[in-house]
């Protein structure tokens, strides 16, 4: 069962990477100061939209999770992080709610995540649990390796699908 779960999560991560790479147009480069937005404070919809508009969607090198230097490491480390940190809310368990939540966020040039947004929610606290999972990435001692475009670190929008299965 554990191998099946890992294979399922690896497939989901691969899909998320394809979505991040193919869904949007390349946007103009921006400075690090333009991309900063605090995740600790509520972000207005206007500010979040501006941050997403300025962040890049397609880059020469996508961000890599937790200090990894290649896709295989990044995918496996992200799967491990999800397995160890994802919470299934009691309300959702009791109601036997299963499904997929999509969380969008920006990987900043310093490896932190910001502008966390639940793009698709299935209710019962599952979207919030997935958003908290992403926000927890900022507490890791090793951050994301930022995306690169034309040799420069750039903020990149990512979409993470999180599957909940009882």
N, C-alpha and C. Protein backbone atom coordinates (compact mmCIF):
# COMPACT_ATOMS: atom_id res chain seq x y z
N UNK A 1 0.83 -1.20 0.00
CA UNK A 1 0.00 0.00 0.00
C UNK A 1 0.87 1.26 0.00
N UNK A 2 1.96 1.24 0.77
CA UNK A 2 2.84 2.40 0.85
C UNK A 2 3.47 2.70 -0.51
N UNK A 3 3.86 1.67 -1.25
CA UNK A 3 4.45 1.85 -2.59
C UNK A 3 3.39 2.42 -3.54
N UNK A 4 2.15 1.93 -3.43
CA UNK A 4 1.07 2.43 -4.26
C UNK A 4 0.83 3.91 -3.99
N UNK A 5 0.84 4.30 -2.72
CA UNK A 5 0.65 5.70 -2.34
C UNK A 5 1.79 6.56 -2.88
N UNK A 6 3.03 6.08 -2.77
CA UNK A 6 4.17 6.84 -3.29
C UNK A 6 4.06 7.01 -4.81
N UNK A 7 3.67 5.94 -5.52
CA UNK A 7 3.52 6.03 -6.98
C UNK A 7 2.41 7.00 -7.35
N UNK A 8 1.30 6.98 -6.59
CA UNK A 8 0.21 7.89 -6.84
C UNK A 8 0.66 9.33 -6.62
N UNK A 9 1.36 9.58 -5.52
CA UNK A 9 1.84 10.93 -5.24
C UNK A 9 2.86 11.38 -6.27
N UNK A 10 3.74 10.49 -6.71
CA UNK A 10 4.72 10.84 -7.73
C UNK A 10 4.01 11.23 -9.03
N UNK A 11 2.95 10.51 -9.38
CA UNK A 11 2.17 10.85 -10.57
C UNK A 11 1.53 12.22 -10.41
N UNK A 12 1.00 12.49 -9.24
CA UNK A 12 0.37 13.78 -8.99
C UNK A 12 1.39 14.90 -9.11
N UNK A 13 2.58 14.70 -8.54
CA UNK A 13 3.63 15.71 -8.62
C UNK A 13 4.01 15.96 -10.07
N UNK A 14 4.12 14.90 -10.85
CA UNK A 14 4.47 15.04 -12.26
C UNK A 14 3.40 15.85 -12.99
N UNK A 15 2.13 15.58 -12.69
CA UNK A 15 1.04 16.33 -13.31
C UNK A 15 1.14 17.80 -12.91
N UNK A 16 1.42 18.05 -11.64
CA UNK A 16 1.52 19.43 -11.16
C UNK A 16 2.64 20.16 -11.90
N UNK A 17 3.74 19.48 -12.15
CA UNK A 17 4.85 20.12 -12.86
C UNK A 17 4.45 20.43 -14.29
N UNK A 18 3.71 19.52 -14.93
CA UNK A 18 3.25 19.76 -16.29
C UNK A 18 2.28 20.93 -16.33
N UNK A 19 1.38 21.00 -15.33
CA UNK A 19 0.44 22.11 -15.27
C UNK A 19 1.21 23.42 -15.12
N UNK A 20 2.18 23.44 -14.23
CA UNK A 20 2.95 24.66 -13.98
C UNK A 20 3.72 25.08 -15.22
N UNK A 21 4.16 24.11 -16.02
CA UNK A 21 5.00 24.43 -17.18
C UNK A 21 4.19 24.81 -18.42
N UNK A 22 2.94 24.33 -18.54
CA UNK A 22 2.25 24.49 -19.81
C UNK A 22 1.01 25.37 -19.79
N UNK A 23 0.50 25.73 -18.64
CA UNK A 23 -0.78 26.43 -18.59
C UNK A 23 -0.72 27.92 -18.87
N UNK A 24 0.42 28.56 -18.70
CA UNK A 24 0.45 30.00 -18.74
C UNK A 24 1.57 30.52 -19.63
N UNK A 25 1.48 31.79 -20.00
CA UNK A 25 2.51 32.44 -20.81
C UNK A 25 3.64 32.94 -19.92
N UNK A 26 4.80 33.14 -20.56
CA UNK A 26 5.93 33.73 -19.85
C UNK A 26 5.60 35.20 -19.58
N UNK A 27 5.90 35.66 -18.35
CA UNK A 27 5.69 37.06 -18.02
C UNK A 27 7.03 37.75 -17.91
N UNK A 28 7.00 39.06 -17.80
CA UNK A 28 8.23 39.83 -17.69
C UNK A 28 8.96 39.51 -16.41
N UNK A 29 10.30 39.66 -16.45
CA UNK A 29 11.10 39.47 -15.25
C UNK A 29 10.75 40.56 -14.26
N UNK A 30 11.01 40.30 -12.99
CA UNK A 30 10.79 41.30 -11.98
C UNK A 30 11.84 41.20 -10.92
N UNK A 31 11.99 42.25 -10.19
CA UNK A 31 12.99 42.25 -9.13
C UNK A 31 12.47 41.51 -7.92
N UNK A 32 13.40 41.10 -7.07
CA UNK A 32 13.04 40.38 -5.85
C UNK A 32 12.13 41.21 -4.98
N UNK A 33 12.37 42.50 -4.90
CA UNK A 33 11.55 43.36 -4.04
C UNK A 33 10.11 43.44 -4.53
N UNK A 34 9.89 43.32 -5.81
CA UNK A 34 8.53 43.35 -6.34
C UNK A 34 7.77 42.08 -6.00
N UNK A 35 8.45 40.96 -5.80
CA UNK A 35 7.78 39.68 -5.63
C UNK A 35 7.47 39.36 -4.18
N UNK A 36 8.04 40.07 -3.22
CA UNK A 36 7.87 39.74 -1.81
C UNK A 36 6.46 40.03 -1.35
N UNK A 37 5.87 39.06 -0.69
CA UNK A 37 4.58 39.25 -0.04
C UNK A 37 4.58 38.35 1.18
N UNK A 38 4.20 38.89 2.32
CA UNK A 38 4.25 38.11 3.55
C UNK A 38 3.09 37.13 3.60
N UNK A 39 3.39 35.88 3.94
CA UNK A 39 2.34 34.88 4.06
C UNK A 39 1.69 34.92 5.43
N UNK A 40 2.34 35.54 6.41
CA UNK A 40 1.81 35.57 7.76
C UNK A 40 0.59 36.49 7.86
N UNK A 41 0.53 37.51 7.03
CA UNK A 41 -0.56 38.47 7.08
C UNK A 41 -1.53 38.18 5.94
N UNK A 42 -2.83 38.46 6.16
CA UNK A 42 -3.78 38.27 5.07
C UNK A 42 -3.39 39.14 3.89
N UNK A 43 -3.51 38.60 2.70
CA UNK A 43 -3.14 39.33 1.49
C UNK A 43 -4.43 39.64 0.74
N UNK A 44 -4.61 40.89 0.35
CA UNK A 44 -5.82 41.26 -0.38
C UNK A 44 -5.81 40.58 -1.74
N UNK A 45 -6.99 40.40 -2.29
CA UNK A 45 -7.10 39.78 -3.61
C UNK A 45 -6.34 40.57 -4.65
N UNK A 46 -6.39 41.88 -4.56
CA UNK A 46 -5.69 42.73 -5.53
C UNK A 46 -4.19 42.52 -5.45
N UNK A 47 -3.65 42.52 -4.22
CA UNK A 47 -2.21 42.32 -4.06
C UNK A 47 -1.80 40.92 -4.50
N UNK A 48 -2.63 39.92 -4.20
CA UNK A 48 -2.31 38.56 -4.61
C UNK A 48 -2.32 38.46 -6.13
N UNK A 49 -3.31 39.05 -6.76
CA UNK A 49 -3.37 39.02 -8.22
C UNK A 49 -2.16 39.70 -8.83
N UNK A 50 -1.74 40.82 -8.25
CA UNK A 50 -0.55 41.51 -8.74
C UNK A 50 0.69 40.63 -8.60
N UNK A 51 0.81 39.93 -7.46
CA UNK A 51 1.96 39.05 -7.25
C UNK A 51 1.97 37.92 -8.26
N UNK A 52 0.79 37.34 -8.52
CA UNK A 52 0.70 36.25 -9.50
C UNK A 52 0.98 36.76 -10.91
N UNK A 53 0.53 37.97 -11.21
CA UNK A 53 0.79 38.53 -12.54
C UNK A 53 2.28 38.77 -12.77
N UNK A 54 3.00 39.14 -11.70
CA UNK A 54 4.42 39.45 -11.83
C UNK A 54 5.30 38.20 -11.78
N UNK A 55 4.83 37.16 -11.10
CA UNK A 55 5.63 35.92 -11.01
C UNK A 55 5.60 35.20 -12.36
N UNK A 56 6.63 34.42 -12.60
CA UNK A 56 6.73 33.70 -13.86
C UNK A 56 6.03 32.35 -13.76
N UNK A 57 5.51 31.90 -14.88
CA UNK A 57 4.83 30.61 -14.93
C UNK A 57 5.65 29.57 -15.67
N UNK A 58 6.41 30.03 -16.64
CA UNK A 58 7.28 29.14 -17.43
C UNK A 58 8.69 29.70 -17.35
N UNK A 59 9.62 28.86 -16.95
CA UNK A 59 11.00 29.30 -16.78
C UNK A 59 11.95 28.25 -17.35
N UNK A 60 13.20 28.62 -17.47
CA UNK A 60 14.21 27.69 -17.97
C UNK A 60 14.41 26.53 -17.01
N UNK A 61 14.38 26.82 -15.72
CA UNK A 61 14.55 25.78 -14.70
C UNK A 61 13.50 26.00 -13.61
N UNK A 62 12.62 25.01 -13.42
CA UNK A 62 11.58 25.11 -12.40
C UNK A 62 12.19 25.00 -11.01
N UNK A 63 11.51 25.54 -10.00
CA UNK A 63 12.02 25.41 -8.63
C UNK A 63 12.12 23.94 -8.21
N UNK A 64 13.06 23.66 -7.32
CA UNK A 64 13.25 22.31 -6.80
C UNK A 64 13.03 22.34 -5.30
N UNK A 65 12.37 21.31 -4.79
CA UNK A 65 12.00 21.27 -3.37
C UNK A 65 13.19 21.03 -2.47
N UNK A 66 13.22 21.74 -1.37
CA UNK A 66 14.10 21.52 -0.22
C UNK A 66 15.56 21.22 -0.55
N UNK A 67 16.17 22.07 -1.34
CA UNK A 67 17.59 21.96 -1.58
C UNK A 67 18.02 20.88 -2.55
N UNK A 68 17.08 20.26 -3.23
CA UNK A 68 17.43 19.22 -4.20
C UNK A 68 18.07 19.84 -5.45
N UNK A 69 18.83 19.01 -6.14
CA UNK A 69 19.50 19.50 -7.35
C UNK A 69 18.96 18.87 -8.63
N UNK A 70 17.99 17.94 -8.50
CA UNK A 70 17.39 17.33 -9.69
C UNK A 70 15.92 16.99 -9.42
N UNK A 71 15.20 16.68 -10.50
CA UNK A 71 13.76 16.41 -10.42
C UNK A 71 13.44 15.20 -9.55
N UNK A 72 14.23 14.13 -9.69
CA UNK A 72 13.94 12.91 -8.92
C UNK A 72 14.01 13.19 -7.43
N UNK A 73 15.05 13.84 -6.99
CA UNK A 73 15.20 14.19 -5.58
C UNK A 73 14.05 15.10 -5.15
N UNK A 74 13.77 16.12 -5.95
CA UNK A 74 12.73 17.08 -5.62
C UNK A 74 11.38 16.40 -5.44
N UNK A 75 11.02 15.54 -6.39
CA UNK A 75 9.74 14.84 -6.31
C UNK A 75 9.66 13.93 -5.09
N UNK A 76 10.72 13.18 -4.84
CA UNK A 76 10.71 12.26 -3.70
C UNK A 76 10.68 13.01 -2.38
N UNK A 77 11.42 14.11 -2.27
CA UNK A 77 11.43 14.90 -1.03
C UNK A 77 10.07 15.56 -0.81
N UNK A 78 9.45 16.03 -1.87
CA UNK A 78 8.13 16.65 -1.75
C UNK A 78 7.09 15.61 -1.33
N UNK A 79 7.15 14.44 -1.90
CA UNK A 79 6.23 13.36 -1.51
C UNK A 79 6.43 13.01 -0.04
N UNK A 80 7.68 12.90 0.38
CA UNK A 80 7.97 12.58 1.78
C UNK A 80 7.43 13.68 2.69
N UNK A 81 7.64 14.93 2.32
CA UNK A 81 7.14 16.05 3.12
C UNK A 81 5.62 15.97 3.24
N UNK A 82 4.95 15.71 2.13
CA UNK A 82 3.48 15.61 2.15
C UNK A 82 3.04 14.46 3.06
N UNK A 83 3.66 13.30 2.91
CA UNK A 83 3.30 12.14 3.73
C UNK A 83 3.48 12.41 5.22
N UNK A 84 4.52 13.12 5.57
CA UNK A 84 4.83 13.36 6.98
C UNK A 84 4.04 14.52 7.58
N UNK A 85 3.52 15.42 6.76
CA UNK A 85 2.94 16.65 7.30
C UNK A 85 1.48 16.91 6.95
N UNK A 86 0.93 16.19 6.00
CA UNK A 86 -0.46 16.43 5.61
C UNK A 86 -1.42 15.94 6.69
N UNK A 87 -2.36 16.79 7.03
CA UNK A 87 -3.37 16.45 8.02
C UNK A 87 -4.71 16.24 7.32
N UNK A 88 -5.44 15.23 7.75
CA UNK A 88 -6.77 14.95 7.23
C UNK A 88 -7.74 15.42 8.30
N UNK A 89 -8.44 16.53 8.09
CA UNK A 89 -9.32 17.07 9.13
C UNK A 89 -10.37 16.06 9.60
N UNK A 90 -10.63 16.09 10.89
CA UNK A 90 -11.58 15.17 11.51
C UNK A 90 -12.95 15.24 10.84
N UNK A 91 -13.41 16.47 10.57
CA UNK A 91 -14.71 16.67 9.93
C UNK A 91 -14.78 15.94 8.59
N UNK A 92 -13.71 16.02 7.81
CA UNK A 92 -13.68 15.36 6.50
C UNK A 92 -13.65 13.84 6.65
N UNK A 93 -12.90 13.35 7.62
CA UNK A 93 -12.86 11.90 7.87
C UNK A 93 -14.23 11.38 8.25
N UNK A 94 -14.87 12.08 9.19
CA UNK A 94 -16.18 11.64 9.66
C UNK A 94 -17.21 11.66 8.53
N UNK A 95 -17.12 12.63 7.64
CA UNK A 95 -18.04 12.73 6.52
C UNK A 95 -17.59 11.88 5.33
N UNK A 96 -16.44 11.20 5.49
CA UNK A 96 -15.87 10.34 4.44
C UNK A 96 -15.69 11.09 3.12
N UNK A 97 -15.16 12.30 3.24
CA UNK A 97 -14.92 13.13 2.05
C UNK A 97 -13.53 12.82 1.51
N UNK A 98 -13.49 12.49 0.23
CA UNK A 98 -12.25 12.23 -0.49
C UNK A 98 -12.21 13.12 -1.72
N UNK A 99 -11.04 13.31 -2.25
CA UNK A 99 -10.92 14.09 -3.47
C UNK A 99 -9.60 14.82 -3.55
N UNK A 100 -9.56 15.77 -4.48
CA UNK A 100 -8.32 16.48 -4.75
C UNK A 100 -8.52 17.98 -4.54
N UNK A 101 -7.56 18.58 -3.86
CA UNK A 101 -7.51 20.01 -3.62
C UNK A 101 -6.30 20.55 -4.39
N UNK A 102 -6.44 21.73 -4.97
CA UNK A 102 -5.33 22.36 -5.67
C UNK A 102 -4.93 23.63 -4.94
N UNK A 103 -3.64 23.74 -4.61
CA UNK A 103 -3.12 24.91 -3.92
C UNK A 103 -2.08 25.57 -4.82
N UNK A 104 -2.26 26.87 -5.06
CA UNK A 104 -1.28 27.63 -5.82
C UNK A 104 -0.46 28.47 -4.86
N UNK A 105 0.80 28.68 -5.23
CA UNK A 105 1.69 29.49 -4.41
C UNK A 105 2.85 29.95 -5.27
N UNK A 106 3.60 30.89 -4.74
CA UNK A 106 4.78 31.40 -5.45
C UNK A 106 6.02 30.96 -4.69
N UNK A 107 6.97 30.34 -5.41
CA UNK A 107 8.28 30.07 -4.84
C UNK A 107 9.13 31.30 -5.14
N UNK A 108 9.51 32.00 -4.08
CA UNK A 108 10.24 33.26 -4.22
C UNK A 108 11.72 33.00 -4.50
N UNK A 109 12.45 34.06 -4.81
CA UNK A 109 13.87 33.94 -5.15
C UNK A 109 14.73 33.51 -3.96
N UNK A 110 14.21 33.65 -2.74
CA UNK A 110 14.95 33.19 -1.56
C UNK A 110 14.55 31.78 -1.14
N UNK A 111 13.68 31.12 -1.92
CA UNK A 111 13.26 29.75 -1.62
C UNK A 111 12.05 29.65 -0.72
N UNK A 112 11.54 30.78 -0.25
CA UNK A 112 10.34 30.75 0.58
C UNK A 112 9.10 30.65 -0.32
N UNK A 113 7.96 30.33 0.29
CA UNK A 113 6.71 30.30 -0.45
C UNK A 113 5.84 31.46 0.03
N UNK A 114 5.07 32.04 -0.89
CA UNK A 114 4.20 33.17 -0.54
C UNK A 114 2.92 33.08 -1.35
N UNK A 115 2.01 33.98 -1.04
CA UNK A 115 0.76 34.10 -1.79
C UNK A 115 0.06 32.75 -1.97
N UNK A 116 -0.09 32.03 -0.88
CA UNK A 116 -0.72 30.71 -0.91
C UNK A 116 -2.22 30.89 -1.13
N UNK A 117 -2.74 30.17 -2.11
CA UNK A 117 -4.13 30.34 -2.53
C UNK A 117 -4.74 28.97 -2.82
N UNK A 118 -5.90 28.71 -2.26
CA UNK A 118 -6.61 27.46 -2.55
C UNK A 118 -7.33 27.66 -3.88
N UNK A 119 -6.84 27.02 -4.93
CA UNK A 119 -7.40 27.19 -6.26
C UNK A 119 -8.65 26.35 -6.45
N UNK A 120 -8.68 25.17 -5.81
CA UNK A 120 -9.87 24.30 -5.87
C UNK A 120 -9.99 23.60 -4.52
N UNK A 121 -11.15 23.72 -3.92
CA UNK A 121 -11.40 23.15 -2.60
C UNK A 121 -12.56 22.17 -2.69
N UNK A 122 -12.53 21.13 -1.86
CA UNK A 122 -13.65 20.18 -1.82
C UNK A 122 -14.37 20.25 -0.48
N UNK A 123 -14.01 21.22 0.36
CA UNK A 123 -14.72 21.47 1.60
C UNK A 123 -14.20 20.69 2.79
N UNK A 124 -14.93 20.82 3.90
CA UNK A 124 -14.65 20.13 5.16
C UNK A 124 -13.24 20.37 5.69
N UNK A 125 -12.68 21.54 5.39
CA UNK A 125 -11.38 21.89 5.91
C UNK A 125 -10.20 21.33 5.13
N UNK A 126 -10.46 20.60 4.06
CA UNK A 126 -9.36 19.97 3.30
C UNK A 126 -8.51 21.02 2.57
N UNK A 127 -9.13 22.04 2.02
CA UNK A 127 -8.36 23.09 1.35
C UNK A 127 -7.46 23.83 2.32
N UNK A 128 -8.01 24.15 3.50
CA UNK A 128 -7.20 24.83 4.51
C UNK A 128 -6.05 23.96 4.98
N UNK A 129 -6.28 22.66 5.12
CA UNK A 129 -5.21 21.74 5.55
C UNK A 129 -4.10 21.70 4.50
N UNK A 130 -4.47 21.70 3.23
CA UNK A 130 -3.47 21.69 2.16
C UNK A 130 -2.70 23.01 2.13
N UNK A 131 -3.40 24.12 2.34
CA UNK A 131 -2.74 25.43 2.37
C UNK A 131 -1.77 25.51 3.55
N UNK A 132 -2.17 24.97 4.69
CA UNK A 132 -1.28 24.94 5.86
C UNK A 132 -0.05 24.08 5.59
N UNK A 133 -0.24 23.00 4.85
CA UNK A 133 0.89 22.15 4.47
C UNK A 133 1.91 22.96 3.68
N UNK A 134 1.44 23.73 2.71
CA UNK A 134 2.33 24.55 1.89
C UNK A 134 2.97 25.64 2.74
N UNK A 135 2.19 26.30 3.58
CA UNK A 135 2.74 27.36 4.45
C UNK A 135 3.83 26.81 5.35
N UNK A 136 3.70 25.56 5.77
CA UNK A 136 4.70 24.92 6.63
C UNK A 136 6.05 24.76 5.96
N UNK A 137 6.08 24.86 4.64
CA UNK A 137 7.36 24.76 3.93
C UNK A 137 8.31 25.89 4.34
N UNK A 138 7.74 27.02 4.76
CA UNK A 138 8.57 28.14 5.20
C UNK A 138 9.27 27.85 6.52
N UNK A 139 8.82 26.84 7.26
CA UNK A 139 9.43 26.48 8.53
C UNK A 139 10.59 25.50 8.37
N UNK A 140 10.78 24.99 7.17
CA UNK A 140 11.87 24.04 6.93
C UNK A 140 13.21 24.77 6.99
N UNK A 141 14.23 24.07 7.46
CA UNK A 141 15.55 24.69 7.52
C UNK A 141 16.16 24.84 6.12
N UNK A 142 15.83 23.92 5.22
CA UNK A 142 16.30 24.00 3.84
C UNK A 142 15.11 24.41 2.98
N UNK A 143 15.26 25.48 2.24
CA UNK A 143 14.17 26.04 1.43
C UNK A 143 14.19 25.48 0.01
N UNK A 144 13.19 25.84 -0.77
CA UNK A 144 13.15 25.51 -2.19
C UNK A 144 14.38 26.12 -2.88
N UNK A 145 14.85 25.47 -3.92
CA UNK A 145 15.81 26.09 -4.81
C UNK A 145 14.98 26.88 -5.82
N UNK A 146 15.18 28.19 -5.92
CA UNK A 146 14.29 28.99 -6.77
C UNK A 146 14.41 28.64 -8.24
N UNK A 147 13.36 28.98 -8.98
CA UNK A 147 13.40 28.80 -10.42
C UNK A 147 14.37 29.78 -11.05
N UNK A 148 14.81 29.45 -12.25
CA UNK A 148 15.76 30.31 -12.95
C UNK A 148 15.25 30.57 -14.36
N UNK A 149 15.47 31.79 -14.80
CA UNK A 149 15.19 32.14 -16.17
C UNK A 149 16.32 33.03 -16.67
N UNK A 150 16.90 32.64 -17.78
CA UNK A 150 18.05 33.35 -18.36
C UNK A 150 19.14 33.54 -17.32
N UNK A 151 19.35 32.51 -16.49
CA UNK A 151 20.43 32.51 -15.52
C UNK A 151 20.16 33.26 -14.23
N UNK A 152 18.98 33.87 -14.10
CA UNK A 152 18.66 34.65 -12.90
C UNK A 152 17.58 33.93 -12.09
N UNK A 153 17.69 34.00 -10.75
CA UNK A 153 16.64 33.49 -9.88
C UNK A 153 15.39 34.35 -10.08
N UNK A 154 14.25 33.68 -10.25
CA UNK A 154 12.98 34.39 -10.44
C UNK A 154 11.89 33.72 -9.61
N UNK A 155 10.88 34.48 -9.18
CA UNK A 155 9.73 33.89 -8.50
C UNK A 155 8.88 33.13 -9.51
N UNK A 156 8.37 31.98 -9.10
CA UNK A 156 7.62 31.11 -10.01
C UNK A 156 6.32 30.67 -9.33
N UNK A 157 5.23 30.71 -10.09
CA UNK A 157 3.94 30.21 -9.62
C UNK A 157 3.89 28.70 -9.81
N UNK A 158 3.52 27.99 -8.75
CA UNK A 158 3.34 26.55 -8.83
C UNK A 158 1.92 26.19 -8.38
N UNK A 159 1.41 25.09 -8.89
CA UNK A 159 0.12 24.55 -8.47
C UNK A 159 0.38 23.14 -7.97
N UNK A 160 -0.01 22.89 -6.72
CA UNK A 160 0.20 21.59 -6.10
C UNK A 160 -1.14 20.89 -5.91
N UNK A 161 -1.36 19.76 -6.59
CA UNK A 161 -2.56 18.97 -6.33
C UNK A 161 -2.32 18.09 -5.09
N UNK A 162 -3.28 18.09 -4.18
CA UNK A 162 -3.17 17.28 -2.97
C UNK A 162 -4.37 16.36 -2.93
N UNK A 163 -4.13 15.05 -2.99
CA UNK A 163 -5.21 14.07 -2.96
C UNK A 163 -5.48 13.58 -1.55
N UNK A 164 -6.74 13.51 -1.22
CA UNK A 164 -7.18 12.98 0.07
C UNK A 164 -7.92 11.67 -0.19
N UNK A 165 -7.38 10.59 0.36
CA UNK A 165 -7.97 9.27 0.17
C UNK A 165 -8.06 8.60 1.53
N UNK A 166 -9.26 8.13 1.89
CA UNK A 166 -9.42 7.42 3.16
C UNK A 166 -9.04 5.96 3.02
